[in-house]
Protein backbone atom coordinates (compact mmCIF):
# COMPACT_ATOMS: atom_id res chain seq x y z
CA UNK A 1 91.35 87.31 79.63
CA UNK A 2 94.18 89.75 80.29
CA UNK A 3 95.19 89.96 76.61
CA UNK A 4 91.58 90.80 75.79
CA UNK A 5 91.63 93.43 78.55
CA UNK A 6 94.80 94.93 77.08
CA UNK A 7 93.27 95.06 73.62
CA UNK A 8 90.20 96.82 74.99
CA UNK A 9 92.37 99.33 76.83
CA UNK A 10 94.46 99.91 73.71
CA UNK A 11 91.31 100.52 71.68
CA UNK A 12 90.02 102.93 74.33
CA UNK A 13 93.31 104.83 74.25
CA UNK A 14 93.13 105.14 70.46
CA UNK A 15 89.59 106.52 70.67
CA UNK A 16 90.48 108.95 73.44
CA UNK A 17 93.64 110.05 71.65
CA UNK A 18 91.62 110.97 68.61
CA UNK A 19 88.93 112.77 70.58
CA UNK A 20 91.06 114.57 73.15
CA UNK A 21 93.73 116.10 71.00
CA UNK A 22 96.36 113.43 71.62
CA UNK A 23 96.41 113.88 75.41
CA UNK A 24 96.66 110.13 76.08
CA UNK A 25 99.80 108.04 75.85
CA UNK A 26 100.20 104.29 76.21
CA UNK A 27 102.86 101.65 75.75
CA UNK A 28 102.57 97.87 75.63
CA UNK A 29 105.75 95.81 76.01
CA UNK A 30 106.06 92.03 75.68
CA UNK A 31 109.31 90.16 76.37
CA UNK A 32 110.02 86.43 75.98
CA UNK A 33 112.87 84.91 78.01
CA UNK A 34 114.17 81.35 77.79
CA UNK A 35 114.75 80.46 81.44
CA UNK A 36 116.91 77.47 80.56
CA UNK A 37 119.37 79.90 78.99
CA UNK A 38 119.20 82.01 82.16
CA UNK A 39 120.04 78.96 84.28
CA UNK A 40 123.03 78.20 82.07
CA UNK A 41 121.63 75.01 80.56
CA UNK A 42 122.88 73.63 77.27
CA UNK A 43 121.01 74.53 74.05
CA UNK A 44 120.18 70.83 73.62
CA UNK A 45 118.61 70.50 77.10
CA UNK A 46 114.87 69.84 77.22
CA UNK A 47 112.36 69.83 80.07
CA UNK A 48 108.90 68.31 80.31
CA UNK A 49 107.47 70.21 83.30
CA UNK A 50 108.35 72.42 86.26
CA UNK A 51 107.57 72.93 89.93
CA UNK A 52 107.33 76.34 91.66
CA UNK A 53 108.46 77.03 95.22
CA UNK A 54 110.32 74.90 97.71
CA UNK A 55 107.40 73.07 99.29
CA UNK A 56 107.36 69.27 99.16
CA UNK A 57 104.51 68.00 97.05
CA UNK A 58 104.08 71.20 95.01
CA UNK A 59 102.25 70.37 91.76
CA UNK A 60 104.14 69.71 88.55
CA UNK A 61 103.07 72.12 85.79
CA UNK A 62 103.56 72.79 82.10
CA UNK A 63 101.97 76.25 82.23
CA UNK A 64 101.24 78.92 84.84
CA UNK A 65 100.06 82.55 84.65
CA UNK A 66 100.37 85.54 86.97
CA UNK A 67 98.17 88.64 86.56
CA UNK A 68 98.49 91.82 88.58
CA UNK A 69 95.65 93.57 90.35
CA UNK A 70 94.64 96.86 88.73
CA UNK A 71 96.89 99.64 89.98
CA UNK A 72 96.66 103.40 89.41
CA UNK A 73 99.97 105.16 90.07
CA UNK A 74 100.30 108.89 90.89
CA UNK A 75 102.17 111.53 88.91
CA UNK A 76 105.92 111.70 89.53
CA UNK A 77 106.12 115.42 90.25
CA UNK A 78 108.55 117.94 88.82
CA UNK A 79 111.77 117.19 87.03
CA UNK A 80 114.92 117.32 89.15
CA UNK A 81 118.43 117.16 87.65
CA UNK A 82 119.54 115.02 86.02
CA UNK A 83 115.95 113.72 85.89
CA UNK A 84 113.13 112.42 88.03
CA UNK A 85 113.47 108.63 87.80
CA UNK A 86 110.01 108.10 89.28
CA UNK A 87 108.89 106.13 92.31
CA UNK A 88 108.87 102.34 92.54
CA UNK A 89 105.50 100.72 93.25
CA UNK A 90 104.80 97.09 94.05
CA UNK A 91 102.20 95.20 92.02
CA UNK A 92 100.26 92.42 93.70
CA UNK A 93 98.76 89.32 92.17
CA UNK A 94 95.10 89.33 91.23
CA UNK A 95 93.20 86.76 93.26
CA UNK A 96 94.55 84.36 95.87
CA UNK A 97 98.29 84.53 96.58
CA UNK A 98 100.17 81.30 97.34
CA UNK A 99 103.71 80.18 98.06
CA UNK A 100 103.83 78.63 94.59
CA UNK A 101 103.08 81.77 92.56
CA UNK A 102 105.22 82.49 89.51
CA UNK A 103 106.56 85.79 90.91
CA UNK A 104 107.60 86.56 94.46
CA UNK A 105 108.00 90.32 93.87
CA UNK A 106 106.99 92.73 91.08
CA UNK A 107 107.93 96.41 91.15
CA UNK A 108 107.36 99.03 88.45
CA UNK A 109 107.92 102.72 87.74
CA UNK A 110 105.14 104.62 85.93
CA UNK A 111 105.34 108.39 85.44
CA UNK A 112 108.83 109.88 85.72
CA UNK A 113 108.29 113.62 85.47
CA UNK A 114 109.35 114.13 81.85
CA UNK A 115 109.37 111.94 78.72
CA UNK A 116 108.38 108.49 79.99
CA UNK A 117 108.87 106.07 77.10
CA UNK A 118 112.43 105.28 76.15
CA UNK A 119 113.69 105.86 72.62
CA UNK A 120 116.99 104.02 73.15
CA UNK A 121 116.34 100.85 75.25
CA UNK A 122 118.06 102.49 78.23
CA UNK A 123 115.04 103.27 80.47
CA UNK A 124 116.87 105.67 82.77
CA UNK A 125 114.16 108.11 83.87
CA UNK A 126 111.57 106.16 81.85
CA UNK A 127 108.73 103.83 82.75
CA UNK A 128 109.86 100.23 83.24
CA UNK A 129 109.65 97.07 85.32
CA UNK A 130 112.27 97.77 87.97
CA UNK A 131 112.22 94.41 89.73
CA UNK A 132 110.75 91.06 88.76
CA UNK A 133 111.74 88.26 91.14
CA UNK A 134 110.69 84.75 90.17
CA UNK A 135 109.85 82.01 92.61
CA UNK A 136 112.20 79.04 92.93
CA UNK A 137 111.80 76.68 89.96
CA UNK A 138 112.55 72.97 89.78
CA UNK A 139 112.61 71.28 86.37
CA UNK A 140 112.02 67.74 85.26
CA UNK A 141 114.20 66.01 84.27
CA UNK A 142 116.27 66.98 87.29
CA UNK A 143 119.47 67.04 85.21
CA UNK A 144 118.49 70.58 84.13
CA UNK A 145 119.55 73.28 86.61
CA UNK A 146 116.90 75.11 88.60
CA UNK A 147 115.86 76.34 92.04
CA UNK A 148 117.62 79.72 91.85
CA UNK A 149 115.46 82.82 92.29
CA UNK A 150 115.97 84.66 89.01
CA UNK A 151 115.57 88.44 89.02
CA UNK A 152 115.07 90.81 86.08
CA UNK A 153 114.97 94.60 85.96
CA UNK A 154 114.95 97.51 83.56
CA UNK A 155 117.84 96.19 81.45
CA UNK A 156 115.58 93.34 80.28
CA UNK A 157 112.14 94.89 80.83
CA UNK A 158 112.41 98.37 79.29
CA UNK A 159 109.45 99.53 77.15
CA UNK A 160 110.66 101.63 74.22
CA UNK A 161 109.69 103.11 70.88
CA UNK A 162 112.03 100.79 68.96
CA UNK A 163 110.44 97.49 70.02
CA UNK A 164 106.98 98.14 71.42
CA UNK A 165 103.50 99.47 70.68
CA UNK A 166 103.39 103.17 71.60
CA UNK A 167 100.26 105.30 71.11
CA UNK A 168 100.30 109.06 71.52
CA UNK A 169 103.46 110.86 72.60
CA UNK A 170 106.27 109.74 74.92
CA UNK A 171 105.06 111.58 78.02
CA UNK A 172 102.27 110.36 80.33
CA UNK A 173 102.21 113.82 81.93
CA UNK A 174 100.57 112.61 85.13
CA UNK A 175 98.99 109.57 86.78
CA UNK A 176 99.00 106.24 84.95
CA UNK A 177 97.16 102.92 85.00
CA UNK A 178 99.37 99.84 84.83
CA UNK A 179 98.81 96.17 84.11
CA UNK A 180 101.34 93.33 84.13
CA UNK A 181 100.94 89.69 83.24
CA UNK A 182 103.47 86.90 83.20
CA UNK A 183 103.31 83.31 82.05
CA UNK A 184 105.71 80.39 82.15
CA UNK A 185 105.16 77.62 79.60
CA UNK A 186 107.03 74.57 78.42
CA UNK A 187 107.30 75.06 74.66
CA UNK A 188 109.25 72.56 72.57
CA UNK A 189 111.10 71.44 75.68
CA UNK A 190 112.16 74.94 76.71
CA UNK A 191 110.85 76.97 79.68
CA UNK A 192 109.60 80.24 78.15
CA UNK A 193 108.77 83.20 80.39
CA UNK A 194 106.57 85.85 78.72
CA UNK A 195 106.03 89.20 80.42
CA UNK A 196 103.59 91.86 79.19
CA UNK A 197 103.67 95.33 80.77
CA UNK A 198 100.98 97.85 79.78
CA UNK A 199 100.95 101.50 80.90
CA UNK A 200 98.57 104.27 79.87
CA UNK A 201 97.78 107.79 80.94
CA UNK A 202 95.03 107.69 83.55
CA UNK A 203 91.82 109.25 82.31
């Protein structure tokens, strides 16, 4: 559903870019992270399923998805030396929130006051996911490490021209609409986290 929504938004941006003199900018970033590597497990380790949260009796899963509610973020304002790094905004889950959600906290930066899409994977003063805190995770078999609350930020979740789909220029030049989805799946015995962050100039 969300991937289809992103494709529709991307198509809309392409149409508007052609009809409005290139005034729209968008970026779509997808990152895949092997959580077993993050937990320091061996390359040969394999898991069959996982459990989210610390509650007794939480369901065992092989796949879970988290989708943010629609969020429109305001313009960042003027540039201030060395730059305007933007304001952090929290994204909330679409639908019912539970103690066993994939993410405990999601925070992003949209417009930053100047060029917004990185050209060097640095993301200082650029749009990015500033904080992504996962829920506690327990793996089966229990010999594989888990339970830590992993956190990722702009070093890992930095949209840029080198790796991602960018339409229009590099500057949103005002308010933006943002969308973030995350999924955790067991694939070939590994726990793969996939995060997609989509930002476009608000129309």
